[in-house]
Amino acid sequence: MAVVPPPGAGEVDEPEVRRILFTPRAIEVSGVGSSPMTDRFNTSGSLRTNFSWTLAGNVVYAACQWAMLAAIAKVTTLEEVGRFAFALSVTAPVFMLSSLHLRSIQATDAPGDIPFSRYLRLRMITSALSCLGLVLGALLGLYPTGTSEAIVWMAIARTAEALSDVHYGLFQQRERMDWVARSLIARGVTGLAALTMAVMFRPAAEWAAAALAAAWLVCLVALDLPKANHLRWRQSAEASALGTGTWTLIRTALPLGVAGMLVSLNVNIPRYAIQAHLGEQDLGLFAALSSLLIASQMVSGALGQSASPHLSRLGRAQDAAGFWRVLWRQLLFGTALGLAGVGAVAAVGRPVVTALFTAQYAARQDVLLVIAVAAAVATWASYLGYAMTALRLFRPQVPVFLAVTLATFAASQLLVPHTGILGAAWALVISGTVQCVLSGLVVSYSLREMRLQEG
C-alpha cells in the first residue's frame, strides 16, 4: 500500500521537483551546519572500489539466497518449497510498490537536498501499511490453505528488509558501498543459518519464513541503525512531519514505486500462473531453478548500484557522451556475464543443481537453460532501468513496465497451461526482451534530447 496524497496533489509540480532534487543545499549534520557539497559526501571511493565491495556483498547474498532454497528443498517436500516461493511472490510486489524506489532516488540525489530523516519516515509508514495489508489478507483467508502463516512471517521479514534498504540508500549516497556490502553479507549469512536450523527442527515453510524475519530484524538493529547514527545525521525542523516537501517526494517517487511493483510482477506472474494451473509442486521446482535468475541479477546489480551516483552526476551535468560511455561498459559487462551464465549451465548445470538441490530438480535441464537465457536478457534490462532512474525519468517507467507486465501475463497464460514450467521460463525471456527494447528507446530518446540541448 502506498501513501495517497491529499486532494489536489495528483499532479507533480515539475519545477518544485527540480528545486528539491537538484538545488544544492547543505544537509544538516550534527555539529556541522552548512558546508559545501564536497564536504557533505564521501566521494573518495572510486567506481572500481565501490563495485568490488558491491559485487562481494551481492555475490555472498545471492549465494545465501540460493542456499536457503537448497536447504528447504533438501529437508522438506516440493510442496513446502512451493509454499515458501509463493510467500515470496505475494509479498514482493506489495513491498516494491511501498518502497517507492526511495533508495534509487536517494542514491541519485546528487545535491543531497532531501534529508535522510524524510526518506526514513516515509519508508517506515509505507512499509508498515504494506505489512498490515498482507496480515489482514491472511486473516481474511485471501491466500491458499497452508500459506497464510508463511506470508505473514514473510511480510515481517520484508519490513525489516525495507528499513535496511532505506539505510542502504543513505550509505550509497555517501558512496559507502562497503557498509552496504557488509550488511548484505551479514543478512545473507545469518538468514541462512537461522532458516537452516528452523527447517531442521520443523520442516515447514512458515518456520523458514519466521527464522528469516528474526535474522533480518537483528541485522537491522545491530548493523544498519548504528551505522546511520555514525553518520551523525539529525532531523531538521522541516523534516519533522509529513509536510509539503514530503508530499512532493511522494508524488515524485510514486511513479517509480509503481514501476518497481510492475517489475516485481513481471518476475512473479509466471509463478502465479504455475500456482493456478499446475500446483505447488511445480511451483517449488520452478522456484528452485529460477533462483539462477536471482543470483545473476544480484551480481549484475553490483555494477548498476555502484555506477548509479556517477551516472546521476553525468546526467545532471548534461554529459550525454560520458553517460553513454558508462552505460555501454555496463551493457558489455552484462553481455559477458550472460554468455558465461548460459555456458556454465550448459556445461555443469545438471551436476551443480543435483548437488545444491536434488536429482529431481536437475532432471529439468531444459528449463534451466531457458532460465539462463532469461537471466542474460534481464541483465541488460536492469542496466537500462538504472540508466532511466539516473536520468530522473520516473514517469516514463510506468507505461514501459505496464507494457512489459501485459506481455508477461499474456505469455504466461498462453504458455504455462500447455508447456508447463518450460513455458514459464520462456515467459521470462519474453518479458526481459520487451523491457530491453522499451527501456532502450526511452534512454536513447532522452540522451538524444540532451545532445541537442548541448548543441
Protein backbone atom coordinates (compact mmCIF):
# COMPACT_ATOMS: atom_id res chain seq x y z
CA MET A 1 0.00 0.00 0.00
CA ALA A 2 1.28 3.44 -0.83
CA VAL A 3 0.55 6.70 0.97
CA VAL A 4 -2.09 8.61 -1.00
CA PRO A 5 -1.59 12.37 -1.35
CA PRO A 6 -4.38 14.71 -0.25
CA PRO A 7 -6.93 16.07 -2.74
CA GLY A 8 -5.43 18.42 -5.26
CA ALA A 9 -1.99 16.80 -5.08
CA GLY A 10 -2.40 14.49 -8.04
CA GLU A 11 -0.08 16.25 -10.45
CA VAL A 12 3.64 16.61 -9.94
CA ASP A 13 4.88 20.19 -9.79
CA GLU A 14 7.92 19.71 -12.01
CA PRO A 15 9.67 22.99 -11.09
CA GLU A 16 9.25 22.14 -7.42
CA VAL A 17 10.59 18.64 -8.00
CA ARG A 18 13.67 20.02 -9.70
CA ARG A 19 14.15 22.53 -6.90
CA ILE A 20 14.06 19.84 -4.24
CA LEU A 21 16.10 17.25 -6.12
CA PHE A 22 18.70 19.45 -7.78
CA THR A 23 19.16 22.68 -5.79
CA PRO A 24 22.37 22.46 -3.74
CA ARG A 25 21.69 23.00 -0.08
CA ALA A 26 23.68 21.81 2.91
CA ILE A 27 22.44 18.66 4.60
CA GLU A 28 22.19 19.38 8.26
CA VAL A 29 24.68 17.26 10.11
CA SER A 30 25.00 17.29 13.85
CA GLY A 31 27.71 19.72 14.83
CA VAL A 32 28.47 20.83 11.28
CA GLY A 33 25.84 23.15 9.82
CA SER A 34 26.08 24.31 6.21
CA SER A 35 29.05 23.13 4.22
CA PRO A 36 29.95 22.60 0.57
CA MET A 37 28.76 19.53 -1.21
CA THR A 38 32.22 18.06 -1.34
CA ASP A 39 32.35 18.14 2.46
CA ARG A 40 28.94 16.56 2.85
CA PHE A 41 29.55 13.44 0.80
CA ASN A 42 32.27 10.86 0.95
CA THR A 43 33.19 10.68 -2.71
CA SER A 44 36.69 9.36 -2.16
CA GLY A 45 35.76 5.81 -3.15
CA SER A 46 36.39 5.08 -6.81
CA LEU A 47 33.89 3.31 -9.01
CA ARG A 48 36.20 0.28 -9.06
CA THR A 49 36.36 0.13 -5.24
CA ASN A 50 32.63 0.60 -4.84
CA PHE A 51 31.97 -2.03 -7.50
CA SER A 52 34.30 -4.50 -5.77
CA TRP A 53 32.54 -4.08 -2.44
CA THR A 54 29.08 -4.23 -4.01
CA LEU A 55 30.00 -7.29 -6.06
CA ALA A 56 31.30 -9.08 -2.98
CA GLY A 57 28.19 -8.26 -0.97
CA ASN A 58 25.78 -9.20 -3.73
CA VAL A 59 27.58 -12.44 -4.60
CA VAL A 60 27.53 -13.63 -0.99
CA TYR A 61 23.93 -12.54 -0.53
CA ALA A 62 22.84 -14.26 -3.76
CA ALA A 63 24.70 -17.43 -2.77
CA CYS A 64 22.95 -17.40 0.60
CA GLN A 65 19.54 -16.95 -1.05
CA TRP A 66 20.26 -19.90 -3.30
CA ALA A 67 21.43 -21.91 -0.28
CA MET A 68 18.21 -21.08 1.57
CA LEU A 69 16.12 -22.65 -1.17
CA ALA A 70 18.55 -25.57 -1.29
CA ALA A 71 18.16 -26.12 2.47
CA ILE A 72 14.37 -26.09 2.21
CA ALA A 73 14.48 -28.39 -0.83
CA LYS A 74 16.76 -30.94 0.83
CA VAL A 75 14.94 -31.04 4.18
CA THR A 76 11.29 -30.52 3.19
CA THR A 77 8.99 -31.51 0.33
CA LEU A 78 8.33 -29.86 -3.04
CA GLU A 79 5.03 -28.57 -1.62
CA GLU A 80 6.83 -26.70 1.19
CA VAL A 81 9.29 -25.21 -1.31
CA GLY A 82 6.28 -24.10 -3.34
CA ARG A 83 4.63 -22.51 -0.28
CA PHE A 84 7.81 -20.63 0.59
CA ALA A 85 8.17 -19.45 -3.02
CA PHE A 86 4.53 -18.36 -3.09
CA ALA A 87 5.04 -16.30 0.09
CA LEU A 88 7.97 -14.56 -1.60
CA SER A 89 5.92 -13.97 -4.75
CA VAL A 90 2.91 -12.49 -2.93
CA THR A 91 4.87 -10.12 -0.71
CA ALA A 92 7.42 -8.88 -3.28
CA PRO A 93 5.17 -6.68 -5.48
CA VAL A 94 3.45 -5.13 -2.44
CA PHE A 95 6.73 -4.05 -0.86
CA MET A 96 8.16 -2.93 -4.19
CA LEU A 97 5.24 -0.52 -4.52
CA SER A 98 5.54 0.74 -0.95
CA SER A 99 9.31 1.18 -1.31
CA LEU A 100 8.65 3.93 -3.89
CA HIS A 101 12.20 3.06 -5.01
CA LEU A 102 13.40 5.60 -2.46
CA ARG A 103 16.86 4.05 -2.41
CA SER A 104 17.36 4.86 -6.09
CA ILE A 105 16.14 8.41 -5.52
CA GLN A 106 18.48 8.81 -2.55
CA ALA A 107 21.48 7.42 -4.41
CA THR A 108 20.93 9.64 -7.46
CA ASP A 109 20.04 12.77 -5.47
CA ALA A 110 23.43 14.29 -6.27
CA PRO A 111 22.97 17.58 -4.33
CA GLY A 112 21.60 15.69 -1.30
CA ASP A 113 18.90 18.30 -0.79
CA ILE A 114 16.31 15.98 0.81
CA PRO A 115 17.18 15.00 4.41
CA PHE A 116 17.58 11.31 5.21
CA SER A 117 15.05 11.61 8.02
CA ARG A 118 12.34 12.32 5.45
CA TYR A 119 13.19 9.19 3.45
CA LEU A 120 13.26 7.11 6.63
CA ARG A 121 9.95 8.40 7.96
CA LEU A 122 8.21 7.83 4.64
CA ARG A 123 9.65 4.31 4.27
CA MET A 124 8.55 3.39 7.80
CA ILE A 125 4.97 4.46 7.09
CA THR A 126 4.64 2.72 3.73
CA SER A 127 6.31 -0.48 4.97
CA ALA A 128 4.01 -0.64 8.00
CA LEU A 129 0.96 -0.21 5.75
CA SER A 130 2.19 -2.98 3.43
CA CYS A 131 2.81 -5.38 6.29
CA LEU A 132 -0.59 -4.62 7.81
CA GLY A 133 -2.34 -5.17 4.47
CA LEU A 134 -0.70 -8.56 3.97
CA VAL A 135 -1.51 -9.66 7.53
CA LEU A 136 -5.15 -8.63 7.09
CA GLY A 137 -5.25 -10.61 3.85
CA ALA A 138 -4.08 -13.68 5.76
CA LEU A 139 -6.69 -13.15 8.49
CA LEU A 140 -9.44 -12.79 5.88
CA GLY A 141 -8.43 -16.04 4.17
CA LEU A 142 -7.37 -14.50 0.86
CA TYR A 143 -4.44 -16.88 0.39
CA PRO A 144 -4.37 -20.61 -0.39
CA THR A 145 -4.63 -23.05 2.51
CA GLY A 146 -1.32 -23.65 4.26
CA THR A 147 0.41 -20.49 3.03
CA SER A 148 -1.12 -17.78 5.26
CA GLU A 149 1.34 -18.18 8.13
CA ALA A 150 4.30 -18.19 5.77
CA ILE A 151 3.03 -14.99 4.11
CA VAL A 152 2.59 -13.24 7.48
CA TRP A 153 6.14 -14.06 8.56
CA MET A 154 7.49 -13.14 5.13
CA ALA A 155 5.72 -9.77 5.40
CA ILE A 156 7.59 -9.11 8.65
CA ALA A 157 10.85 -10.13 7.01
CA ARG A 158 10.15 -7.79 4.09
CA THR A 159 9.50 -4.93 6.52
CA ALA A 160 12.93 -5.41 8.09
CA GLU A 161 14.44 -5.63 4.61
CA ALA A 162 12.72 -2.40 3.56
CA LEU A 163 14.10 -0.48 6.53
CA SER A 164 17.59 -1.81 5.86
CA ASP A 165 17.19 -0.77 2.22
CA VAL A 166 16.46 2.87 3.06
CA HIS A 167 19.66 2.91 5.13
CA TYR A 168 21.49 1.44 2.15
CA GLY A 169 20.29 4.45 0.17
CA LEU A 170 21.99 6.75 2.68
CA PHE A 171 25.20 4.70 2.58
CA GLN A 172 25.13 4.56 -1.23
CA GLN A 173 24.59 8.31 -1.48
CA ARG A 174 27.70 8.81 0.65
CA GLU A 175 29.43 6.18 -1.52
CA ARG A 176 29.99 3.86 1.44
CA MET A 177 29.29 0.72 -0.54
CA ASP A 178 31.48 -1.20 1.90
CA TRP A 179 28.83 -0.65 4.58
CA VAL A 180 26.11 -1.87 2.23
CA ALA A 181 28.16 -4.94 1.35
CA ARG A 182 28.89 -5.85 4.97
CA SER A 183 25.23 -5.57 5.84
CA LEU A 184 24.20 -7.71 2.87
CA ILE A 185 26.73 -10.37 3.83
CA ALA A 186 25.54 -10.36 7.43
CA ARG A 187 21.89 -10.59 6.38
CA GLY A 188 22.64 -13.43 3.98
CA VAL A 189 24.73 -15.50 6.39
CA THR A 190 22.54 -15.01 9.48
CA GLY A 191 19.37 -15.57 7.45
CA LEU A 192 20.76 -18.80 6.01
CA ALA A 193 21.91 -20.06 9.41
CA ALA A 194 18.60 -19.25 11.11
CA LEU A 195 16.49 -20.71 8.29
CA THR A 196 18.53 -23.92 8.13
CA MET A 197 18.22 -24.52 11.86
CA ALA A 198 14.50 -23.78 11.72
CA VAL A 199 13.67 -26.23 8.92
CA MET A 200 15.81 -28.92 10.52
CA PHE A 201 13.76 -28.51 13.69
CA ARG A 202 10.43 -28.16 11.88
CA PRO A 203 10.42 -28.76 8.09
CA ALA A 204 7.74 -26.21 7.18
CA ALA A 205 7.64 -23.04 5.07
CA GLU A 206 6.25 -20.87 7.90
CA TRP A 207 9.15 -21.80 10.18
CA ALA A 208 11.62 -20.90 7.44
CA ALA A 209 9.97 -17.51 6.93
CA ALA A 210 9.83 -16.82 10.69
CA ALA A 211 13.54 -17.57 11.08
CA LEU A 212 14.35 -15.26 8.16
CA ALA A 213 12.32 -12.44 9.72
CA ALA A 214 14.11 -12.79 13.05
CA ALA A 215 17.56 -12.79 11.43
CA TRP A 216 16.88 -9.71 9.31
CA LEU A 217 15.45 -7.77 12.25
CA VAL A 218 18.62 -8.50 14.24
CA CYS A 219 20.81 -7.25 11.37
CA LEU A 220 18.76 -4.06 11.05
CA VAL A 221 19.08 -3.23 14.73
CA ALA A 222 22.68 -4.39 15.22
CA LEU A 223 24.28 -3.11 11.99
CA ASP A 224 22.30 -0.63 9.91
CA LEU A 225 20.92 1.65 12.63
CA PRO A 226 24.29 2.17 14.37
CA LYS A 227 25.99 2.97 11.06
CA ALA A 228 23.33 5.57 10.24
CA ASN A 229 23.93 7.13 13.64
CA HIS A 230 27.66 7.13 12.90
CA LEU A 231 26.98 9.49 10.01
CA ARG A 232 25.67 11.88 12.67
CA TRP A 233 22.51 12.83 10.81
CA ARG A 234 19.73 14.55 12.69
CA GLN A 235 16.22 15.54 11.77
CA SER A 236 15.70 19.17 10.86
CA ALA A 237 12.57 21.04 11.81
CA GLU A 238 11.48 20.96 8.16
CA ALA A 239 11.58 17.14 8.12
CA SER A 240 9.92 16.59 11.49
CA ALA A 241 6.49 15.91 9.99
CA LEU A 242 4.80 14.95 6.75
CA GLY A 243 4.82 18.42 5.29
CA THR A 244 4.71 19.85 1.79
CA GLY A 245 8.20 18.65 0.92
CA THR A 246 7.34 15.07 1.84
CA TRP A 247 4.18 15.07 -0.27
CA THR A 248 6.28 16.36 -3.17
CA LEU A 249 8.70 13.48 -2.59
CA ILE A 250 5.78 11.03 -2.59
CA ARG A 251 4.41 12.42 -5.83
CA THR A 252 7.88 12.28 -7.36
CA ALA A 253 8.61 8.73 -6.19
CA LEU A 254 5.18 7.17 -6.71
CA PRO A 255 5.67 6.53 -10.47
CA LEU A 256 8.95 4.80 -9.64
CA GLY A 257 7.24 2.73 -6.96
CA VAL A 258 4.53 1.68 -9.41
CA ALA A 259 7.23 0.79 -11.94
CA GLY A 260 9.05 -1.27 -9.30
CA MET A 261 5.85 -3.12 -8.46
CA LEU A 262 5.32 -3.88 -12.14
CA VAL A 263 8.91 -5.17 -12.42
CA SER A 264 8.27 -7.48 -9.48
CA LEU A 265 5.02 -8.63 -11.03
CA ASN A 266 6.86 -9.41 -14.27
CA VAL A 267 9.10 -11.83 -12.38
CA ASN A 268 6.25 -13.35 -10.35
CA ILE A 269 3.40 -13.56 -12.88
CA PRO A 270 4.78 -16.86 -14.28
CA ARG A 271 4.78 -18.20 -10.71
CA TYR A 272 1.18 -17.15 -10.20
CA ALA A 273 0.30 -18.99 -13.41
CA ILE A 274 2.11 -22.13 -12.21
CA GLN A 275 0.31 -21.96 -8.85
CA ALA A 276 -3.06 -21.60 -10.61
CA HIS A 277 -2.62 -24.16 -13.40
CA LEU A 278 -0.08 -26.69 -12.11
CA GLY A 279 0.11 -26.56 -8.31
CA GLU A 280 2.65 -26.12 -5.52
CA GLN A 281 4.95 -28.98 -6.55
CA ASP A 282 5.68 -27.46 -9.95
CA LEU A 283 5.97 -24.03 -8.33
CA GLY A 284 8.58 -25.36 -5.93
CA LEU A 285 10.53 -26.90 -8.82
CA PHE A 286 10.40 -23.71 -10.89
CA ALA A 287 11.31 -21.51 -7.90
CA ALA A 288 14.43 -23.53 -7.16
CA LEU A 289 15.58 -23.47 -10.79
CA SER A 290 14.79 -19.78 -11.28
CA SER A 291 16.97 -18.89 -8.30
CA LEU A 292 19.67 -18.77 -11.00
CA LEU A 293 17.94 -15.62 -12.27
CA ILE A 294 18.09 -14.07 -8.79
CA ALA A 295 21.80 -14.86 -8.48
CA SER A 296 22.58 -13.34 -11.87
CA GLN A 297 20.62 -10.18 -11.07
CA MET A 298 22.43 -9.74 -7.76
CA VAL A 299 25.83 -9.94 -9.49
CA SER A 300 24.86 -7.60 -12.34
CA GLY A 301 23.20 -5.25 -9.86
CA ALA A 302 26.56 -4.69 -8.17
CA LEU A 303 27.80 -2.63 -11.11
CA GLY A 304 24.44 -0.92 -11.58
CA GLN A 305 24.23 0.21 -7.97
CA SER A 306 27.85 1.31 -7.85
CA ALA A 307 27.59 3.32 -11.07
CA SER A 308 24.24 4.99 -10.24
CA PRO A 309 25.67 8.03 -8.38
CA HIS A 310 28.25 8.54 -11.17
CA LEU A 311 25.59 8.28 -13.89
CA SER A 312 23.43 10.71 -11.94
CA ARG A 313 26.20 13.30 -11.88
CA LEU A 314 26.80 12.86 -15.62
CA GLY A 315 23.08 13.28 -16.31
CA ARG A 316 22.85 16.38 -14.15
CA ALA A 317 25.89 17.81 -15.95
CA GLN A 318 24.17 17.13 -19.30
CA ASP A 319 27.15 15.00 -20.36
CA ALA A 320 25.43 12.69 -22.86
CA ALA A 321 28.69 11.32 -24.27
CA GLY A 322 30.03 10.43 -20.82
CA PHE A 323 26.71 8.84 -19.87
CA TRP A 324 26.77 6.66 -22.99
CA ARG A 325 30.35 5.54 -22.28
CA VAL A 326 29.50 4.34 -18.78
CA LEU A 327 26.26 2.72 -19.92
CA TRP A 328 27.92 0.83 -22.79
CA ARG A 329 30.55 -0.52 -20.39
CA GLN A 330 27.75 -1.83 -18.20
CA LEU A 331 25.98 -3.43 -21.17
CA LEU A 332 29.21 -5.08 -22.35
CA PHE A 333 29.78 -6.45 -18.86
CA GLY A 334 26.19 -7.72 -18.83
CA THR A 335 26.69 -9.44 -22.19
CA ALA A 336 29.81 -11.22 -20.96
CA LEU A 337 28.07 -12.20 -17.72
CA GLY A 338 25.02 -13.53 -19.56
CA LEU A 339 27.05 -15.59 -22.04
CA ALA A 340 29.14 -17.00 -19.20
CA GLY A 341 25.98 -17.97 -17.34
CA VAL A 342 24.44 -19.78 -20.32
CA GLY A 343 27.73 -21.58 -20.98
CA ALA A 344 28.08 -22.63 -17.35
CA VAL A 345 24.55 -24.01 -17.23
CA ALA A 346 25.10 -25.98 -20.44
CA ALA A 347 28.41 -27.38 -19.18
CA VAL A 348 27.86 -28.11 -15.49
CA GLY A 349 24.25 -27.17 -14.75
CA ARG A 350 22.96 -30.69 -14.11
CA PRO A 351 25.61 -31.79 -11.56
CA VAL A 352 25.56 -28.43 -9.79
CA VAL A 353 21.77 -28.45 -9.41
CA THR A 354 21.91 -32.06 -8.22
CA ALA A 355 24.44 -31.09 -5.55
CA LEU A 356 22.59 -27.97 -4.46
CA PHE A 357 19.08 -29.41 -4.58
CA THR A 358 18.30 -33.00 -5.66
CA ALA A 359 18.28 -35.08 -8.84
CA GLN A 360 14.56 -34.34 -9.16
CA TYR A 361 15.37 -30.68 -9.85
CA ALA A 362 18.33 -31.44 -12.12
CA ALA A 363 16.14 -33.53 -14.41
CA ARG A 364 14.71 -30.30 -15.88
CA GLN A 365 17.90 -29.15 -17.60
CA ASP A 366 15.78 -27.78 -20.46
CA VAL A 367 14.05 -25.33 -18.10
CA LEU A 368 17.37 -24.34 -16.53
CA LEU A 369 18.87 -23.42 -19.91
CA VAL A 370 15.94 -21.17 -20.82
CA ILE A 371 16.13 -19.51 -17.39
CA ALA A 372 19.83 -18.82 -18.05
CA VAL A 373 18.86 -17.04 -21.28
CA ALA A 374 16.23 -15.06 -19.33
CA ALA A 375 18.91 -14.08 -16.79
CA ALA A 376 21.15 -12.79 -19.58
CA VAL A 377 18.35 -10.66 -21.05
CA ALA A 378 17.37 -9.43 -17.59
CA THR A 379 20.91 -8.13 -17.04
CA TRP A 380 20.59 -5.71 -19.96
CA ALA A 381 17.11 -4.71 -18.82
CA SER A 382 18.45 -3.98 -15.34
CA TYR A 383 21.21 -1.65 -16.56
CA LEU A 384 18.78 0.25 -18.77
CA GLY A 385 16.48 0.60 -15.77
CA TYR A 386 19.31 2.07 -13.68
CA ALA A 387 20.01 4.47 -16.56
CA MET A 388 16.40 5.70 -16.64
CA THR A 389 16.48 6.34 -12.90
CA ALA A 390 19.84 8.13 -13.09
CA LEU A 391 18.33 10.41 -15.75
CA ARG A 392 15.38 11.04 -13.38
CA LEU A 393 12.99 9.52 -15.93
CA PHE A 394 10.42 8.39 -13.39
CA ARG A 395 7.11 8.88 -15.19
CA PRO A 396 8.07 7.09 -18.43
CA GLN A 397 8.88 3.96 -16.45
CA VAL A 398 5.21 3.37 -15.62
CA PRO A 399 3.98 2.84 -19.23
CA VAL A 400 7.17 0.91 -20.05
CA PHE A 401 6.68 -1.62 -17.26
CA LEU A 402 2.93 -1.71 -17.71
CA ALA A 403 3.50 -2.86 -21.28
CA VAL A 404 6.04 -5.43 -20.06
CA THR A 405 3.55 -6.69 -17.46
CA LEU A 406 0.85 -7.16 -20.07
CA ALA A 407 3.30 -9.05 -22.31
CA THR A 408 4.37 -11.28 -19.41
CA PHE A 409 0.77 -12.01 -18.42
CA ALA A 410 -0.20 -12.90 -21.97
CA ALA A 411 2.85 -15.14 -22.44
CA SER A 412 2.29 -16.90 -19.10
CA GLN A 413 -1.39 -17.57 -19.74
CA LEU A 414 -0.65 -18.83 -23.22
CA LEU A 415 2.40 -20.99 -22.48
CA VAL A 416 2.10 -22.35 -18.93
CA PRO A 417 -1.14 -24.36 -19.36
CA HIS A 418 0.26 -26.08 -22.48
CA THR A 419 4.02 -26.41 -21.84
CA GLY A 420 4.25 -26.29 -18.04
CA ILE A 421 7.19 -24.71 -16.27
CA LEU A 422 9.16 -24.57 -19.52
CA GLY A 423 6.55 -22.10 -20.77
CA ALA A 424 7.00 -20.05 -17.59
CA ALA A 425 10.73 -19.83 -18.34
CA TRP A 426 10.04 -18.62 -21.90
CA ALA A 427 7.61 -16.05 -20.48
CA LEU A 428 10.55 -14.59 -18.53
CA VAL A 429 12.60 -14.36 -21.74
CA ILE A 430 9.76 -12.54 -23.50
CA SER A 431 9.33 -10.21 -20.52
CA GLY A 432 13.01 -9.24 -20.43
CA THR A 433 13.17 -8.70 -24.19
CA VAL A 434 10.21 -6.33 -24.22
CA GLN A 435 11.68 -4.45 -21.27
CA CYS A 436 15.05 -4.07 -23.00
CA VAL A 437 13.51 -2.68 -26.17
CA LEU A 438 11.22 -0.16 -24.48
CA SER A 439 13.75 0.97 -21.85
CA GLY A 440 16.40 1.36 -24.53
CA LEU A 441 14.10 3.58 -26.57
CA VAL A 442 13.38 5.82 -23.56
CA VAL A 443 17.07 6.20 -22.64
CA SER A 444 18.13 6.80 -26.25
CA TYR A 445 15.50 9.48 -26.75
CA SER A 446 16.47 11.26 -23.53
CA LEU A 447 20.18 11.27 -24.35
CA ARG A 448 19.46 12.47 -27.89
CA GLU A 449 17.50 15.40 -26.47
CA MET A 450 20.39 16.09 -24.11
CA ARG A 451 22.82 16.24 -27.05
CA LEU A 452 20.53 18.58 -28.96
CA GLN A 453 20.47 20.91 -25.96
CA GLU A 454 24.26 20.80 -25.82
CA GLY A 455 24.41 21.77 -29.48
